[in-house]
Amino acid sequence: METNDEMLTMFVEAANKHDFALDMTLNVNGSLVTGTTISAQHYFETIASDLNNGNDIAKAVGEKLSEAGNAAKDQNQGGATFVHLKNTQIYSGDAPIPSEGNFVWRGKIEEVDGFFLGKISADK
């Protein structure tokens, strides 16, 4: 039986409950995922906002995601299952993916092999 890292879970719960932002880099299946923690609600609202500029189907999906964000805010009493990051980049080789723009990312806490505080930057 696999258990979640208690310290990582604490950081994620702080983000979910108190909008605690922390730069971190996660090791996930050999790749590095780097970004800043955000709440589940912020994650869903960001995706919903992006979809609200699309067609009717995209807007309907965006509305459902907004509802999911509100539900996530109300469900912050239980343990965290997913970590959410903004300004995300994934390193699986020499260059980050994506190399431009700001992206949000969602991953299962149980899939994180390790982490450190701080972000990796391709800019030196």
PDB file of N, CA and C in Angstrom:
ATOM      1  N   MET A   1       0.841  -1.187   0.000  1.00  0.00           N
ATOM      2  CA  MET A   1       0.000   0.000   0.000  1.00  0.00           C
ATOM      3  C   MET A   1       0.882   1.245   0.000  1.00  0.00           C
ATOM      4  N   GLU A   2       0.659   2.096  -0.964  1.00  0.00           N
ATOM      5  CA  GLU A   2       1.460   3.310  -1.101  1.00  0.00           C
ATOM      6  C   GLU A   2       0.838   4.436  -0.269  1.00  0.00           C
ATOM      7  N   THR A   3       1.707   5.203   0.381  1.00  0.00           N
ATOM      8  CA  THR A   3       1.211   6.328   1.160  1.00  0.00           C
ATOM      9  C   THR A   3       1.741   7.624   0.576  1.00  0.00           C
ATOM     10  N   ASN A   4       0.975   8.679   0.767  1.00  0.00           N
ATOM     11  CA  ASN A   4       1.378  10.000   0.283  1.00  0.00           C
ATOM     12  C   ASN A   4       2.384  10.628   1.234  1.00  0.00           C
ATOM     13  N   ASP A   5       3.263  11.440   0.685  1.00  0.00           N
ATOM     14  CA  ASP A   5       4.221  12.193   1.475  1.00  0.00           C
ATOM     15  C   ASP A   5       3.448  13.203   2.329  1.00  0.00           C
ATOM     16  N   GLU A   6       3.587  13.112   3.638  1.00  0.00           N
ATOM     17  CA  GLU A   6       2.821  13.976   4.538  1.00  0.00           C
ATOM     18  C   GLU A   6       3.183  15.448   4.375  1.00  0.00           C
ATOM     19  N   MET A   7       4.449  15.751   4.117  1.00  0.00           N
ATOM     20  CA  MET A   7       4.856  17.145   3.972  1.00  0.00           C
ATOM     21  C   MET A   7       4.273  17.734   2.683  1.00  0.00           C
ATOM     22  N   LEU A   8       4.349  16.989   1.579  1.00  0.00           N
ATOM     23  CA  LEU A   8       3.763  17.451   0.321  1.00  0.00           C
ATOM     24  C   LEU A   8       2.254  17.637   0.484  1.00  0.00           C
ATOM     25  N   THR A   9       1.606  16.697   1.128  1.00  0.00           N
ATOM     26  CA  THR A   9       0.166  16.805   1.364  1.00  0.00           C
ATOM     27  C   THR A   9      -0.158  18.043   2.184  1.00  0.00           C
ATOM     28  N   MET A  10       0.674  18.357   3.176  1.00  0.00           N
ATOM     29  CA  MET A  10       0.462  19.552   3.993  1.00  0.00           C
ATOM     30  C   MET A  10       0.546  20.820   3.138  1.00  0.00           C
ATOM     31  N   PHE A  11       1.536  20.895   2.242  1.00  0.00           N
ATOM     32  CA  PHE A  11       1.659  22.057   1.360  1.00  0.00           C
ATOM     33  C   PHE A  11       0.442  22.186   0.441  1.00  0.00           C
ATOM     34  N   VAL A  12      -0.019  21.067  -0.101  1.00  0.00           N
ATOM     35  CA  VAL A  12      -1.172  21.082  -1.006  1.00  0.00           C
ATOM     36  C   VAL A  12      -2.439  21.483  -0.247  1.00  0.00           C
ATOM     37  N   GLU A  13      -2.616  20.969   0.936  1.00  0.00           N
ATOM     38  CA  GLU A  13      -3.788  21.343   1.737  1.00  0.00           C
ATOM     39  C   GLU A  13      -3.746  22.823   2.105  1.00  0.00           C
ATOM     40  N   ALA A  14      -2.559  23.364   2.373  1.00  0.00           N
ATOM     41  CA  ALA A  14      -2.433  24.801   2.663  1.00  0.00           C
ATOM     42  C   ALA A  14      -2.826  25.620   1.438  1.00  0.00           C
ATOM     43  N   ALA A  15      -2.448  25.142   0.252  1.00  0.00           N
ATOM     44  CA  ALA A  15      -2.845  25.827  -0.986  1.00  0.00           C
ATOM     45  C   ALA A  15      -4.363  25.767  -1.154  1.00  0.00           C
ATOM     46  N   ASN A  16      -4.949  24.612  -0.905  1.00  0.00           N
ATOM     47  CA  ASN A  16      -6.389  24.443  -1.075  1.00  0.00           C
ATOM     48  C   ASN A  16      -7.205  25.253  -0.068  1.00  0.00           C
ATOM     49  N   LYS A  17      -6.761  25.282   1.153  1.00  0.00           N
ATOM     50  CA  LYS A  17      -7.548  25.922   2.218  1.00  0.00           C
ATOM     51  C   LYS A  17      -7.257  27.403   2.382  1.00  0.00           C
ATOM     52  N   HIS A  18      -6.003  27.814   2.081  1.00  0.00           N
ATOM     53  CA  HIS A  18      -5.589  29.180   2.392  1.00  0.00           C
ATOM     54  C   HIS A  18      -4.954  29.909   1.211  1.00  0.00           C
ATOM     55  N   ASP A  19      -5.086  29.362  -0.001  1.00  0.00           N
ATOM     56  CA  ASP A  19      -4.458  29.942  -1.196  1.00  0.00           C
ATOM     57  C   ASP A  19      -2.960  30.168  -0.992  1.00  0.00           C
ATOM     58  N   PHE A  20      -2.319  29.243  -0.313  1.00  0.00           N
ATOM     59  CA  PHE A  20      -0.890  29.295  -0.036  1.00  0.00           C
ATOM     60  C   PHE A  20      -0.122  29.000  -1.317  1.00  0.00           C
ATOM     61  N   ALA A  21       0.704  29.927  -1.760  1.00  0.00           N
ATOM     62  CA  ALA A  21       1.485  29.769  -2.991  1.00  0.00           C
ATOM     63  C   ALA A  21       2.929  29.454  -2.625  1.00  0.00           C
ATOM     64  N   LEU A  22       3.460  28.394  -3.206  1.00  0.00           N
ATOM     65  CA  LEU A  22       4.817  27.956  -2.913  1.00  0.00           C
ATOM     66  C   LEU A  22       5.430  27.401  -4.191  1.00  0.00           C
ATOM     67  N   ASP A  23       6.602  27.910  -4.555  1.00  0.00           N
ATOM     68  CA  ASP A  23       7.310  27.361  -5.711  1.00  0.00           C
ATOM     69  C   ASP A  23       7.860  25.993  -5.339  1.00  0.00           C
ATOM     70  N   MET A  24       7.619  25.001  -6.213  1.00  0.00           N
ATOM     71  CA  MET A  24       8.148  23.668  -5.955  1.00  0.00           C
ATOM     72  C   MET A  24       8.389  22.925  -7.254  1.00  0.00           C
ATOM     73  N   THR A  25       9.242  21.940  -7.163  1.00  0.00           N
ATOM     74  CA  THR A  25       9.547  21.067  -8.288  1.00  0.00           C
ATOM     75  C   THR A  25       9.309  19.636  -7.843  1.00  0.00           C
ATOM     76  N   LEU A  26       8.517  18.919  -8.642  1.00  0.00           N
ATOM     77  CA  LEU A  26       8.133  17.546  -8.330  1.00  0.00           C
ATOM     78  C   LEU A  26       8.841  16.583  -9.269  1.00  0.00           C
ATOM     79  N   ASN A  27       9.271  15.445  -8.751  1.00  0.00           N
ATOM     80  CA  ASN A  27       9.794  14.369  -9.573  1.00  0.00           C
ATOM     81  C   ASN A  27       8.642  13.393  -9.775  1.00  0.00           C
ATOM     82  N   VAL A  28       8.180  13.261 -11.042  1.00  0.00           N
ATOM     83  CA  VAL A  28       7.046  12.399 -11.356  1.00  0.00           C
ATOM     84  C   VAL A  28       7.455  11.463 -12.488  1.00  0.00           C
ATOM     85  N   ASN A  29       7.630  10.201 -12.164  1.00  0.00           N
ATOM     86  CA  ASN A  29       7.982   9.177 -13.161  1.00  0.00           C
ATOM     87  C   ASN A  29       9.188   9.590 -14.015  1.00  0.00           C
ATOM     88  N   GLY A  30      10.202  10.152 -13.391  1.00  0.00           N
ATOM     89  CA  GLY A  30      11.427  10.500 -14.091  1.00  0.00           C
ATOM     90  C   GLY A  30      11.441  11.881 -14.720  1.00  0.00           C
ATOM     91  N   SER A  31      10.323  12.561 -14.728  1.00  0.00           N
ATOM     92  CA  SER A  31      10.259  13.932 -15.240  1.00  0.00           C
ATOM     93  C   SER A  31      10.204  14.899 -14.066  1.00  0.00           C
ATOM     94  N   LEU A  32      10.647  16.120 -14.296  1.00  0.00           N
ATOM     95  CA  LEU A  32      10.540  17.165 -13.289  1.00  0.00           C
ATOM     96  C   LEU A  32       9.419  18.107 -13.695  1.00  0.00           C
ATOM     97  N   VAL A  33       8.499  18.347 -12.782  1.00  0.00           N
ATOM     98  CA  VAL A  33       7.382  19.266 -13.001  1.00  0.00           C
ATOM     99  C   VAL A  33       7.582  20.421 -12.030  1.00  0.00           C
ATOM    100  N   THR A  34       7.739  21.623 -12.562  1.00  0.00           N
ATOM    101  CA  THR A  34       8.053  22.772 -11.729  1.00  0.00           C
ATOM    102  C   THR A  34       6.993  23.852 -11.897  1.00  0.00           C
ATOM    103  N   GLY A  35       6.640  24.516 -10.803  1.00  0.00           N
ATOM    104  CA  GLY A  35       5.622  25.562 -10.841  1.00  0.00           C
ATOM    105  C   GLY A  35       5.330  26.083  -9.452  1.00  0.00           C
ATOM    106  N   THR A  36       4.195  26.753  -9.320  1.00  0.00           N
ATOM    107  CA  THR A  36       3.766  27.356  -8.058  1.00  0.00           C
ATOM    108  C   THR A  36       2.438  26.747  -7.648  1.00  0.00           C
ATOM    109  N   THR A  37       2.325  26.337  -6.391  1.00  0.00           N
ATOM    110  CA  THR A  37       1.085  25.704  -5.930  1.00  0.00           C
ATOM    111  C   THR A  37      -0.091  26.671  -5.999  1.00  0.00           C
ATOM    112  N   ILE A  38      -1.237  26.122  -6.376  1.00  0.00           N
ATOM    113  CA  ILE A  38      -2.506  26.840  -6.374  1.00  0.00           C
ATOM    114  C   ILE A  38      -3.559  25.909  -5.801  1.00  0.00           C
ATOM    115  N   SER A  39      -4.672  26.477  -5.405  1.00  0.00           N
ATOM    116  CA  SER A  39      -5.771  25.660  -4.882  1.00  0.00           C
ATOM    117  C   SER A  39      -6.467  24.928  -6.020  1.00  0.00           C
ATOM    118  N   ALA A  40      -7.175  23.864  -5.670  1.00  0.00           N
ATOM    119  CA  ALA A  40      -7.982  23.147  -6.667  1.00  0.00           C
ATOM    120  C   ALA A  40      -9.011  24.096  -7.263  1.00  0.00           C
ATOM    121  N   GLN A  41      -9.580  24.956  -6.432  1.00  0.00           N
ATOM    122  CA  GLN A  41     -10.571  25.913  -6.931  1.00  0.00           C
ATOM    123  C   GLN A  41      -9.947  26.832  -7.983  1.00  0.00           C
ATOM    124  N   HIS A  42      -8.757  27.355  -7.718  1.00  0.00           N
ATOM    125  CA  HIS A  42      -8.085  28.233  -8.673  1.00  0.00           C
ATOM    126  C   HIS A  42      -7.784  27.480  -9.971  1.00  0.00           C
ATOM    127  N   TYR A  43      -7.357  26.226  -9.862  1.00  0.00           N
ATOM    128  CA  TYR A  43      -7.084  25.403 -11.033  1.00  0.00           C
ATOM    129  C   TYR A  43      -8.332  25.301 -11.918  1.00  0.00           C
ATOM    130  N   PHE A  44      -9.463  24.904 -11.318  1.00  0.00           N
ATOM    131  CA  PHE A  44     -10.699  24.744 -12.094  1.00  0.00           C
ATOM    132  C   PHE A  44     -11.176  26.071 -12.679  1.00  0.00           C
ATOM    133  N   GLU A  45     -11.057  27.149 -11.907  1.00  0.00           N
ATOM    134  CA  GLU A  45     -11.481  28.462 -12.401  1.00  0.00           C
ATOM    135  C   GLU A  45     -10.615  28.919 -13.583  1.00  0.00           C
ATOM    136  N   THR A  46      -9.332  28.615 -13.555  1.00  0.00           N
ATOM    137  CA  THR A  46      -8.443  28.985 -14.650  1.00  0.00           C
ATOM    138  C   THR A  46      -8.824  28.249 -15.931  1.00  0.00           C
ATOM    139  N   ILE A  47      -9.048  26.953 -15.823  1.00  0.00           N
ATOM    140  CA  ILE A  47      -9.447  26.165 -16.991  1.00  0.00           C
ATOM    141  C   ILE A  47     -10.803  26.644 -17.499  1.00  0.00           C
ATOM    142  N   ALA A  48     -11.747  26.884 -16.584  1.00  0.00           N
ATOM    143  CA  ALA A  48     -13.083  27.352 -16.975  1.00  0.00           C
ATOM    144  C   ALA A  48     -13.001  28.684 -17.699  1.00  0.00           C
ATOM    145  N   SER A  49     -12.174  29.582 -17.205  1.00  0.00           N
ATOM    146  CA  SER A  49     -12.013  30.894 -17.826  1.00  0.00           C
ATOM    147  C   SER A  49     -11.482  30.768 -19.253  1.00  0.00           C
ATOM    148  N   ASP A  50     -10.535  29.876 -19.451  1.00  0.00           N
ATOM    149  CA  ASP A  50      -9.993  29.654 -20.790  1.00  0.00           C
ATOM    150  C   ASP A  50     -11.065  29.128 -21.745  1.00  0.00           C
ATOM    151  N   LEU A  51     -11.942  28.265 -21.233  1.00  0.00           N
ATOM    152  CA  LEU A  51     -12.978  27.671 -22.078  1.00  0.00           C
ATOM    153  C   LEU A  51     -14.136  28.613 -22.351  1.00  0.00           C
ATOM    154  N   ASN A  52     -14.362  29.580 -21.495  1.00  0.00           N
ATOM    155  CA  ASN A  52     -15.490  30.499 -21.667  1.00  0.00           C
ATOM    156  C   ASN A  52     -15.341  31.393 -22.892  1.00  0.00           C
ATOM    157  N   ASN A  53     -14.180  31.423 -23.492  1.00  0.00           N
ATOM    158  CA  ASN A  53     -13.967  32.207 -24.711  1.00  0.00           C
ATOM    159  C   ASN A  53     -14.231  31.388 -25.973  1.00  0.00           C
ATOM    160  N   GLY A  54     -14.637  30.129 -25.803  1.00  0.00           N
ATOM    161  CA  GLY A  54     -14.831  29.249 -26.948  1.00  0.00           C
ATOM    162  C   GLY A  54     -16.281  29.162 -27.392  1.00  0.00           C
ATOM    163  N   ASN A  55     -16.602  28.076 -28.069  1.00  0.00           N
ATOM    164  CA  ASN A  55     -17.957  27.869 -28.572  1.00  0.00           C
ATOM    165  C   ASN A  55     -18.898  27.441 -27.441  1.00  0.00           C
ATOM    166  N   ASP A  56     -20.143  27.128 -27.782  1.00  0.00           N
ATOM    167  CA  ASP A  56     -21.149  26.789 -26.772  1.00  0.00           C
ATOM    168  C   ASP A  56     -20.769  25.558 -25.952  1.00  0.00           C
ATOM    169  N   ILE A  57     -20.186  24.570 -26.599  1.00  0.00           N
ATOM    170  CA  ILE A  57     -19.782  23.358 -25.871  1.00  0.00           C
ATOM    171  C   ILE A  57     -18.659  23.680 -24.895  1.00  0.00           C
ATOM    172  N   ALA A  58     -17.681  24.453 -25.339  1.00  0.00           N
ATOM    173  CA  ALA A  58     -16.578  24.844 -24.463  1.00  0.00           C
ATOM    174  C   ALA A  58     -17.107  25.632 -23.268  1.00  0.00           C
ATOM    175  N   LYS A  59     -18.073  26.528 -23.519  1.00  0.00           N
ATOM    176  CA  LYS A  59     -18.655  27.303 -22.422  1.00  0.00           C
ATOM    177  C   LYS A  59     -19.395  26.407 -21.439  1.00  0.00           C
ATOM    178  N   ALA A  60     -20.109  25.394 -21.953  1.00  0.00           N
ATOM    179  CA  ALA A  60     -20.829  24.464 -21.070  1.00  0.00           C
ATOM    180  C   ALA A  60     -19.845  23.674 -20.208  1.00  0.00           C
ATOM    181  N   VAL A  61     -18.746  23.235 -20.814  1.00  0.00           N
ATOM    182  CA  VAL A  61     -17.714  22.528 -20.050  1.00  0.00           C
ATOM    183  C   VAL A  61     -17.102  23.476 -19.026  1.00  0.00           C
ATOM    184  N   GLY A  62     -16.869  24.723 -19.414  1.00  0.00           N
ATOM    185  CA  GLY A  62     -16.336  25.720 -18.494  1.00  0.00           C
ATOM    186  C   GLY A  62     -17.233  25.938 -17.295  1.00  0.00           C
ATOM    187  N   GLU A  63     -18.538  25.953 -17.520  1.00  0.00           N
ATOM    188  CA  GLU A  63     -19.489  26.108 -16.411  1.00  0.00           C
ATOM    189  C   GLU A  63     -19.400  24.928 -15.446  1.00  0.00           C
ATOM    190  N   LYS A  64     -19.278  23.714 -15.989  1.00  0.00           N
ATOM    191  CA  LYS A  64     -19.144  22.522 -15.141  1.00  0.00           C
ATOM    192  C   LYS A  64     -17.842  22.582 -14.334  1.00  0.00           C
ATOM    193  N   LEU A  65     -16.779  23.077 -14.956  1.00  0.00           N
ATOM    194  CA  LEU A  65     -15.515  23.204 -14.238  1.00  0.00           C
ATOM    195  C   LEU A  65     -15.605  24.260 -13.143  1.00  0.00           C
ATOM    196  N   SER A  66     -16.336  25.332 -13.397  1.00  0.00           N
ATOM    197  CA  SER A  66     -16.547  26.346 -12.350  1.00  0.00           C
ATOM    198  C   SER A  66     -17.280  25.731 -11.167  1.00  0.00           C
ATOM    199  N   GLU A  67     -18.279  24.901 -11.466  1.00  0.00           N
ATOM    200  CA  GLU A  67     -19.009  24.211 -10.398  1.00  0.00           C
ATOM    201  C   GLU A  67     -18.079  23.270  -9.634  1.00  0.00           C
ATOM    202  N   ALA A  68     -17.197  22.574 -10.365  1.00  0.00           N
ATOM    203  CA  ALA A  68     -16.229  21.684  -9.718  1.00  0.00           C
ATOM    204  C   ALA A  68     -15.290  22.479  -8.815  1.00  0.00           C
ATOM    205  N   GLY A  69     -14.906  23.672  -9.254  1.00  0.00           N
ATOM    206  CA  GLY A  69     -14.048  24.528  -8.434  1.00  0.00           C
ATOM    207  C   GLY A  69     -14.730  24.941  -7.149  1.00  0.00           C
ATOM    208  N   ASN A  70     -16.009  25.291  -7.239  1.00  0.00           N
ATOM    209  CA  ASN A  70     -16.760  25.650  -6.038  1.00  0.00           C
ATOM    210  C   ASN A  70     -16.912  24.449  -5.119  1.00  0.00           C
ATOM    211  N   ALA A  71     -17.150  23.265  -5.705  1.00  0.00           N
ATOM    212  CA  ALA A  71     -17.264  22.051  -4.899  1.00  0.00           C
ATOM    213  C   ALA A  71     -15.938  21.725  -4.225  1.00  0.00           C
ATOM    214  N   ALA A  72     -14.823  21.941  -4.937  1.00  0.00           N
ATOM    215  CA  ALA A  72     -13.502  21.679  -4.362  1.00  0.00           C
ATOM    216  C   ALA A  72     -13.254  22.573  -3.159  1.00  0.00           C
ATOM    217  N   LYS A  73     -13.703  23.818  -3.241  1.00  0.00           N
ATOM    218  CA  LYS A  73     -13.537  24.743  -2.115  1.00  0.00           C
ATOM    219  C   LYS A  73     -14.314  24.245  -0.895  1.00  0.00           C
ATOM    220  N   ASP A  74     -15.507  23.718  -1.136  1.00  0.00           N
ATOM    221  CA  ASP A  74     -16.347  23.224  -0.045  1.00  0.00           C
ATOM    222  C   ASP A  74     -15.846  21.899   0.528  1.00  0.00           C
ATOM    223  N   GLN A  75     -15.049  21.151  -0.245  1.00  0.00           N
ATOM    224  CA  GLN A  75     -14.594  19.831   0.183  1.00  0.00           C
ATOM    225  C   GLN A  75     -13.187  19.852   0.750  1.00  0.00           C
ATOM    226  N   ASN A  76     -12.686  20.989   1.149  1.00  0.00           N
ATOM    227  CA  ASN A  76     -11.318  21.092   1.646  1.00  0.00           C
ATOM    228  C   ASN A  76     -11.117  20.473   3.022  1.00  0.00           C
ATOM    229  N   GLN A  77     -12.138  19.853   3.570  1.00  0.00           N
ATOM    230  CA  GLN A  77     -12.009  19.257   4.893  1.00  0.00           C
ATOM    231  C   GLN A  77     -11.259  17.923   4.835  1.00  0.00           C
ATOM    232  N   GLY A  78     -11.371  17.190   3.718  1.00  0.00           N
ATOM    233  CA  GLY A  78     -10.713  15.897   3.586  1.00  0.00           C
ATOM    234  C   GLY A  78      -9.274  16.054   3.148  1.00  0.00           C
ATOM    235  N   GLY A  79      -8.598  14.938   3.021  1.00  0.00           N
ATOM    236  CA  GLY A  79      -7.216  14.966   2.580  1.00  0.00           C
ATOM    237  C   GLY A  79      -7.100  15.291   1.101  1.00  0.00           C
ATOM    238  N   ALA A  80      -6.008  15.906   0.742  1.00  0.00           N
ATOM    239  CA  ALA A  80      -5.769  16.277  -0.651  1.00  0.00           C
ATOM    240  C   ALA A  80      -5.381  15.037  -1.451  1.00  0.00           C
ATOM    241  N   THR A  81      -5.848  14.972  -2.692  1.00  0.00           N
ATOM    242  CA  THR A  81      -5.535  13.870  -3.593  1.00  0.00           C
ATOM    243  C   THR A  81      -4.682  14.331  -4.767  1.00  0.00           C
ATOM    244  N   PHE A  82      -4.877  15.589  -5.193  1.00  0.00           N
ATOM    245  CA  PHE A  82      -4.177  16.138  -6.346  1.00  0.00           C
ATOM    246  C   PHE A  82      -3.400  17.384  -5.962  1.00  0.00           C
ATOM    247  N   VAL A  83      -2.264  17.569  -6.610  1.00  0.00           N
ATOM    248  CA  VAL A  83      -1.496  18.801  -6.485  1.00  0.00           C
ATOM    249  C   VAL A  83      -1.750  19.614  -7.753  1.00  0.00           C
ATOM    250  N   HIS A  84      -1.924  20.918  -7.581  1.00  0.00           N
ATOM    251  CA  HIS A  84      -2.187  21.820  -8.706  1.00  0.00           C
ATOM    252  C   HIS A  84      -1.101  22.886  -8.735  1.00  0.00           C
ATOM    253  N   LEU A  85      -0.564  23.135  -9.941  1.00  0.00           N
ATOM    254  CA  LEU A  85       0.498  24.120 -10.111  1.00  0.00           C
ATOM    255  C   LEU A  85       0.128  25.094 -11.219  1.00  0.00           C
ATOM    256  N   LYS A  86       0.592  26.338 -11.078  1.00  0.00           N
ATOM    257  CA  LYS A  86       0.480  27.318 -12.152  1.00  0.00           C
ATOM    258  C   LYS A  86       1.886  27.651 -12.629  1.00  0.00           C
ATOM    259  N   ASN A  87       1.962  28.324 -13.796  1.00  0.00           N
ATOM    260  CA  ASN A  87       3.261  28.674 -14.393  1.00  0.00           C
ATOM    261  C   ASN A  87       4.136  27.427 -14.485  1.00  0.00           C
ATOM    262  N   THR A  88       3.541  26.365 -14.970  1.00  0.00           N
ATOM    263  CA  THR A  88       4.150  25.043 -14.958  1.00  0.00           C
ATOM    264  C   THR A  88       5.043  24.802 -16.170  1.00  0.00           C
ATOM    265  N   GLN A  89       6.138  24.130 -15.906  1.00  0.00           N
ATOM    266  CA  GLN A  89       6.992  23.610 -16.971  1.00  0.00           C
ATOM    267  C   GLN A  89       7.391  22.189 -16.586  1.00  0.00           C
ATOM    268  N   ILE A  90       7.517  21.347 -17.608  1.00  0.00           N
ATOM    269  CA  ILE A  90       7.899  19.955 -17.394  1.00  0.00           C
ATOM    270  C   ILE A  90       9.238  19.730 -18.087  1.00  0.00           C
ATOM    271  N   TYR A  91      10.175  19.154 -17.336  1.00  0.00           N
ATOM    272  CA  TYR A  91      11.495  18.841 -17.875  1.00  0.00           C
ATOM    273  C   TYR A  91      11.611  17.324 -17.996  1.00  0.00           C
ATOM    274  N   SER A  92      11.734  16.878 -19.233  1.00  0.00           N
ATOM    275  CA  SER A  92      11.930  15.467 -19.500  1.00  0.00           C
ATOM    276  C   SER A  92      13.054  15.363 -20.526  1.00  0.00           C
ATOM    277  N   GLY A  93      14.126  16.033 -20.256  1.00  0.00           N
ATOM    278  CA  GLY A  93      15.258  16.173 -21.164  1.00  0.00           C
ATOM    279  C   GLY A  93      15.870  17.536 -20.945  1.00  0.00           C
ATOM    280  N   ASP A  94      16.443  18.115 -21.980  1.00  0.00           N
ATOM    281  CA  ASP A  94      17.150  19.379 -21.850  1.00  0.00           C
ATOM    282  C   ASP A  94      16.252  20.599 -21.817  1.00  0.00           C
ATOM    283  N   ALA A  95      15.166  20.599 -22.575  1.00  0.00           N
ATOM    284  CA  ALA A  95      14.331  21.795 -22.710  1.00  0.00           C
ATOM    285  C   ALA A  95      12.998  21.604 -21.986  1.00  0.00           C
ATOM    286  N   PRO A  96      12.476  22.685 -21.410  1.00  0.00           N
ATOM    287  CA  PRO A  96      11.188  22.575 -20.735  1.00  0.00           C
ATOM    288  C   PRO A  96      10.036  22.467 -21.736  1.00  0.00           C
ATOM    289  N   ILE A  97       8.972  21.801 -21.306  1.00  0.00           N
ATOM    290  CA  ILE A  97       7.748  21.690 -22.088  1.00  0.00           C
ATOM    291  C   ILE A  97       6.627  22.228 -21.196  1.00  0.00           C
ATOM    292  N   PRO A  98       5.826  23.145 -21.549  1.00  0.00           N
ATOM    293  CA  PRO A  98       5.942  24.023 -22.704  1.00  0.00           C
ATOM    294  C   PRO A  98       7.057  25.043 -22.469  1.00  0.00           C
ATOM    295  N   SER A  99       7.575  25.572 -23.534  1.00  0.00           N
ATOM    296  CA  SER A  99       8.679  26.510 -23.408  1.00  0.00           C
ATOM    297  C   SER A  99       8.205  27.957 -23.313  1.00  0.00           C
ATOM    298  N   GLU A 100       6.933  28.205 -23.650  1.00  0.00           N
ATOM    299  CA  GLU A 100       6.386  29.560 -23.577  1.00  0.00           C
ATOM    300  C   GLU A 100       4.976  29.505 -22.989  1.00  0.00           C
ATOM    301  N   GLY A 101       4.555  30.615 -22.393  1.00  0.00           N
ATOM    302  CA  GLY A 101       3.197  30.716 -21.867  1.00  0.00           C
ATOM    303  C   GLY A 101       3.094  30.258 -20.429  1.00  0.00           C
ATOM    304  N   ASN A 102       1.936  30.481 -19.863  1.00  0.00           N
ATOM    305  CA  ASN A 102       1.650  30.077 -18.487  1.00  0.00           C
ATOM    306  C   ASN A 102       0.596  28.983 -18.511  1.00  0.00           C
ATOM    307  N   PHE A 103       0.891  27.863 -17.857  1.00  0.00           N
ATOM    308  CA  PHE A 103      -0.001  26.725 -17.877  1.00  0.00           C
ATOM    309  C   PHE A 103      -0.260  26.240 -16.459  1.00  0.00           C
ATOM    310  N   VAL A 104      -1.445  25.691 -16.248  1.00  0.00           N
ATOM    311  CA  VAL A 104      -1.759  25.040 -14.981  1.00  0.00           C
ATOM    312  C   VAL A 104      -1.619  23.537 -15.176  1.00  0.00           C
ATOM    313  N   TRP A 105      -1.298  22.845 -14.099  1.00  0.00           N
ATOM    314  CA  TRP A 105      -1.036  21.403 -14.139  1.00  0.00           C
ATOM    315  C   TRP A 105      -1.710  20.748 -12.951  1.00  0.00           C
ATOM    316  N   ARG A 106      -2.183  19.513 -13.143  1.00  0.00           N
ATOM    317  CA  ARG A 106      -2.834  18.739 -12.085  1.00  0.00           C
ATOM    318  C   ARG A 106      -2.231  17.346 -12.099  1.00  0.00           C
ATOM    319  N   GLY A 107      -1.815  16.871 -10.938  1.00  0.00           N
ATOM    320  CA  GLY A 107      -1.249  15.527 -10.842  1.00  0.00           C
ATOM    321  C   GLY A 107      -1.617  14.874  -9.519  1.00  0.00           C
ATOM    322  N   LYS A 108      -1.649  13.563  -9.515  1.00  0.00           N
ATOM    323  CA  LYS A 108      -1.960  12.806  -8.299  1.00  0.00           C
ATOM    324  C   LYS A 108      -0.788  12.888  -7.324  1.00  0.00           C
ATOM    325  N   ILE A 109      -1.083  13.211  -6.101  1.00  0.00           N
ATOM    326  CA  ILE A 109      -0.034  13.266  -5.080  1.00  0.00           C
ATOM    327  C   ILE A 109       0.650  11.915  -4.945  1.00  0.00           C
ATOM    328  N   GLU A 110      -0.103  10.833  -5.052  1.00  0.00           N
ATOM    329  CA  GLU A 110       0.477   9.499  -4.873  1.00  0.00           C
ATOM    330  C   GLU A 110       1.467   9.128  -5.980  1.00  0.00           C
ATOM    331  N   GLU A 111       1.462   9.861  -7.099  1.00  0.00           N
ATOM    332  CA  GLU A 111       2.385   9.589  -8.198  1.00  0.00           C
ATOM    333  C   GLU A 111       3.697  10.370  -8.078  1.00  0.00           C
ATOM    334  N   VAL A 112       3.793  11.267  -7.094  1.00  0.00           N
ATOM    335  CA  VAL A 112       4.994  12.077  -6.913  1.00  0.00           C
ATOM    336  C   VAL A 112       6.048  11.249  -6.178  1.00  0.00           C
ATOM    337  N   ASP A 113       7.215  11.106  -6.819  1.00  0.00           N
ATOM    338  CA  ASP A 113       8.304  10.320  -6.238  1.00  0.00           C
ATOM    339  C   ASP A 113       9.137  11.129  -5.253  1.00  0.00           C
ATOM    340  N   GLY A 114       9.184  12.446  -5.441  1.00  0.00           N
ATOM    341  CA  GLY A 114       9.948  13.318  -4.568  1.00  0.00           C
ATOM    342  C   GLY A 114       9.725  14.754  -4.983  1.00  0.00           C
ATOM    343  N   PHE A 115      10.201  15.692  -4.172  1.00  0.00           N
ATOM    344  CA  PHE A 115      10.033  17.108  -4.504  1.00  0.00           C
ATOM    345  C   PHE A 115      11.071  17.930  -3.782  1.00  0.00           C
ATOM    346  N   PHE A 116      11.270  19.159  -4.282  1.00  0.00           N
ATOM    347  CA  PHE A 116      12.050  20.124  -3.535  1.00  0.00           C
ATOM    348  C   PHE A 116      11.385  21.485  -3.699  1.00  0.00           C
ATOM    349  N   LEU A 117      11.636  22.366  -2.752  1.00  0.00           N
ATOM    350  CA  LEU A 117      11.074  23.700  -2.791  1.00  0.00           C
ATOM    351  C   LEU A 117      11.906  24.565  -3.731  1.00  0.00           C
ATOM    352  N   GLY A 118      11.210  25.330  -4.559  1.00  0.00           N
ATOM    353  CA  GLY A 118      11.851  26.163  -5.555  1.00  0.00           C
ATOM    354  C   GLY A 118      11.507  25.679  -6.953  1.00  0.00           C
ATOM    355  N   LYS A 119      11.665  26.595  -7.913  1.00  0.00           N
ATOM    356  CA  LYS A 119      11.362  26.272  -9.302  1.00  0.00           C
ATOM    357  C   LYS A 119      12.644  26.184 -10.116  1.00  0.00           C
ATOM    358  N   ILE A 120      12.594  25.363 -11.139  1.00  0.00           N
ATOM    359  CA  ILE A 120      13.670  25.295 -12.110  1.00  0.00           C
ATOM    360  C   ILE A 120      13.376  26.349 -13.164  1.00  0.00           C
ATOM    361  N   SER A 121      14.383  27.055 -13.590  1.00  0.00           N
ATOM    362  CA  SER A 121      14.197  28.061 -14.637  1.00  0.00           C
ATOM    363  C   SER A 121      15.164  27.790 -15.775  1.00  0.00           C
ATOM    364  N   ALA A 122      14.632  27.795 -16.990  1.00  0.00           N
ATOM    365  CA  ALA A 122      15.488  27.624 -18.166  1.00  0.00           C
ATOM    366  C   ALA A 122      16.300  28.877 -18.429  1.00  0.00           C
ATOM    367  N   ASP A 123      15.876  30.010 -17.861  1.00  0.00           N
ATOM    368  CA  ASP A 123      16.583  31.278 -18.035  1.00  0.00           C
ATOM    369  C   ASP A 123      17.745  31.354 -17.058  1.00  0.00           C
ATOM    370  N   LYS A 124      18.900  31.587 -17.570  1.00  0.00           N
ATOM    371  CA  LYS A 124      20.094  31.721 -16.706  1.00  0.00           C
ATOM    372  C   LYS A 124      20.814  32.974 -17.039  1.00  0.00           C
TER     373      LYS A 124
END
